[in-house]
C-alpha atoms as a PDB file:
ATOM      1  CA  UNK A   1     -14.615  -6.777   9.787  1.00  0.00           C
ATOM      2  CA  UNK A   2     -11.966  -9.726   7.868  1.00  0.00           C
ATOM      3  CA  UNK A   3      -8.537  -8.723   7.831  1.00  0.00           C
ATOM      4  CA  UNK A   4      -9.222  -9.497   3.423  1.00  0.00           C
ATOM      5  CA  UNK A   5     -12.106  -6.537   3.428  1.00  0.00           C
ATOM      6  CA  UNK A   6      -9.847  -4.133   5.461  1.00  0.00           C
ATOM      7  CA  UNK A   7      -7.407  -4.743   2.298  1.00  0.00           C
ATOM      8  CA  UNK A   8     -10.165  -3.941  -0.240  1.00  0.00           C
ATOM      9  CA  UNK A   9     -11.026  -0.924   1.046  1.00  0.00           C
ATOM     10  CA  UNK A  10      -7.636  -0.257   1.353  1.00  0.00           C
ATOM     11  CA  UNK A  11      -7.294  -1.055  -2.372  1.00  0.00           C
ATOM     12  CA  UNK A  12      -9.569   0.796  -3.306  1.00  0.00           C
ATOM     13  CA  UNK A  13      -8.390   4.461  -1.977  1.00  0.00           C
ATOM     14  CA  UNK A  14      -5.592   3.918  -4.678  1.00  0.00           C
ATOM     15  CA  UNK A  15      -5.596   3.467  -8.648  1.00  0.00           C
ATOM     16  CA  UNK A  16      -7.412   0.824 -10.288  1.00  0.00           C
ATOM     17  CA  UNK A  17      -3.649  -0.060 -11.026  1.00  0.00           C
ATOM     18  CA  UNK A  18      -2.431  -3.407  -9.653  1.00  0.00           C
ATOM     19  CA  UNK A  19      -0.153  -3.662  -6.658  1.00  0.00           C
ATOM     20  CA  UNK A  20       1.985  -6.403  -6.273  1.00  0.00           C
ATOM     21  CA  UNK A  21       2.260  -5.401  -2.497  1.00  0.00           C
ATOM     22  CA  UNK A  22      -1.286  -5.856  -1.658  1.00  0.00           C
ATOM     23  CA  UNK A  23      -1.817  -9.079  -4.017  1.00  0.00           C
ATOM     24  CA  UNK A  24       0.920 -10.699  -1.704  1.00  0.00           C
ATOM     25  CA  UNK A  25      -0.235  -9.369   1.237  1.00  0.00           C
ATOM     26  CA  UNK A  26      -4.300 -10.399   0.433  1.00  0.00           C
ATOM     27  CA  UNK A  27      -2.715 -13.511  -0.890  1.00  0.00           C
ATOM     28  CA  UNK A  28      -0.915 -14.527   2.302  1.00  0.00           C
ATOM     29  CA  UNK A  29      -4.427 -13.655   3.902  1.00  0.00           C
ATOM     30  CA  UNK A  30      -6.180 -16.161   2.322  1.00  0.00           C
ATOM     31  CA  UNK A  31      -3.600 -18.462   1.975  1.00  0.00           C
ATOM     32  CA  UNK A  32      -3.139 -18.167   6.316  1.00  0.00           C
ATOM     33  CA  UNK A  33       0.381 -17.801   6.351  1.00  0.00           C
ATOM     34  CA  UNK A  34      -0.286 -14.437   7.244  1.00  0.00           C
ATOM     35  CA  UNK A  35      -1.403 -14.028  10.525  1.00  0.00           C
ATOM     36  CA  UNK A  36      -2.838 -10.708  12.867  1.00  0.00           C
ATOM     37  CA  UNK A  37      -0.857 -10.099  15.613  1.00  0.00           C
ATOM     38  CA  UNK A  38      -1.427 -11.436  19.166  1.00  0.00           C
ATOM     39  CA  UNK A  39      -1.484  -7.435  20.141  1.00  0.00           C
ATOM     40  CA  UNK A  40      -2.278  -4.106  18.479  1.00  0.00           C
ATOM     41  CA  UNK A  41       0.935  -2.180  17.887  1.00  0.00           C
ATOM     42  CA  UNK A  42       1.572   0.350  21.112  1.00  0.00           C
ATOM     43  CA  UNK A  43       1.766   3.822  20.164  1.00  0.00           C
ATOM     44  CA  UNK A  44       5.418   3.792  20.440  1.00  0.00           C
ATOM     45  CA  UNK A  45       5.910   0.977  17.808  1.00  0.00           C
ATOM     46  CA  UNK A  46       3.898   2.343  14.942  1.00  0.00           C
ATOM     47  CA  UNK A  47       5.423   5.272  15.282  1.00  0.00           C
ATOM     48  CA  UNK A  48       9.129   3.736  15.067  1.00  0.00           C
ATOM     49  CA  UNK A  49       7.203   1.724  12.247  1.00  0.00           C
ATOM     50  CA  UNK A  50       6.256   5.115  10.485  1.00  0.00           C
ATOM     51  CA  UNK A  51       9.698   7.192  11.507  1.00  0.00           C
ATOM     52  CA  UNK A  52      11.304   3.387   9.631  1.00  0.00           C
ATOM     53  CA  UNK A  53       8.903   3.982   6.766  1.00  0.00           C
ATOM     54  CA  UNK A  54       9.882   7.523   5.671  1.00  0.00           C
ATOM     55  CA  UNK A  55      13.411   7.074   6.127  1.00  0.00           C
ATOM     56  CA  UNK A  56      13.870   4.196   3.827  1.00  0.00           C
ATOM     57  CA  UNK A  57      15.199   5.089   0.248  1.00  0.00           C
ATOM     58  CA  UNK A  58      12.356   5.394  -2.335  1.00  0.00           C
ATOM     59  CA  UNK A  59      12.482   3.183  -5.149  1.00  0.00           C
ATOM     60  CA  UNK A  60      13.357   3.604  -8.750  1.00  0.00           C
ATOM     61  CA  UNK A  61      10.160   2.043  -9.660  1.00  0.00           C
ATOM     62  CA  UNK A  62       8.153   4.084  -7.183  1.00  0.00           C
ATOM     63  CA  UNK A  63       9.564   7.193  -8.789  1.00  0.00           C
ATOM     64  CA  UNK A  64       8.723   5.877 -12.312  1.00  0.00           C
ATOM     65  CA  UNK A  65       4.973   5.471 -11.765  1.00  0.00           C
ATOM     66  CA  UNK A  66       4.530   8.844  -9.739  1.00  0.00           C
ATOM     67  CA  UNK A  67       6.429  10.496 -12.108  1.00  0.00           C
ATOM     68  CA  UNK A  68       3.854   8.634 -14.939  1.00  0.00           C
ATOM     69  CA  UNK A  69       1.225   9.937 -12.762  1.00  0.00           C
ATOM     70  CA  UNK A  70       2.591  13.465 -13.055  1.00  0.00           C
ATOM     71  CA  UNK A  71       2.501  13.546 -16.813  1.00  0.00           C
ATOM     72  CA  UNK A  72      -0.676  11.614 -17.676  1.00  0.00           C
ATOM     73  CA  UNK A  73      -2.535  14.664 -15.257  1.00  0.00           C
ATOM     74  CA  UNK A  74      -0.908  17.591 -17.085  1.00  0.00           C
ATOM     75  CA  UNK A  75      -1.950  16.663 -19.987  1.00  0.00           C
ATOM     76  CA  UNK A  76      -5.259  17.928 -20.939  1.00  0.00           C
ATOM     77  CA  UNK A  77      -8.803  15.516 -21.274  1.00  0.00           C
ATOM     78  CA  UNK A  78     -10.631  16.307 -24.474  1.00  0.00           C
ATOM     79  CA  UNK A  79     -13.657  16.263 -22.643  1.00  0.00           C
END
């Protein structure tokens, strides 16, 4: 499976909102500036990357987006 196919599957797991991050990864894959690693991450490297990701502060934009989604979800839909 190609990296762009994998990225499209990941994108489909999220709402239809555009994502600058996923778009930049997709563009880099298409342009050839982002390559698959020579070797996959070890379990230890993956665990370290996950710890670093989880310890990073959440951006104001992410908090605002999450807040909007909660508000949208709490509004009753006519149906």
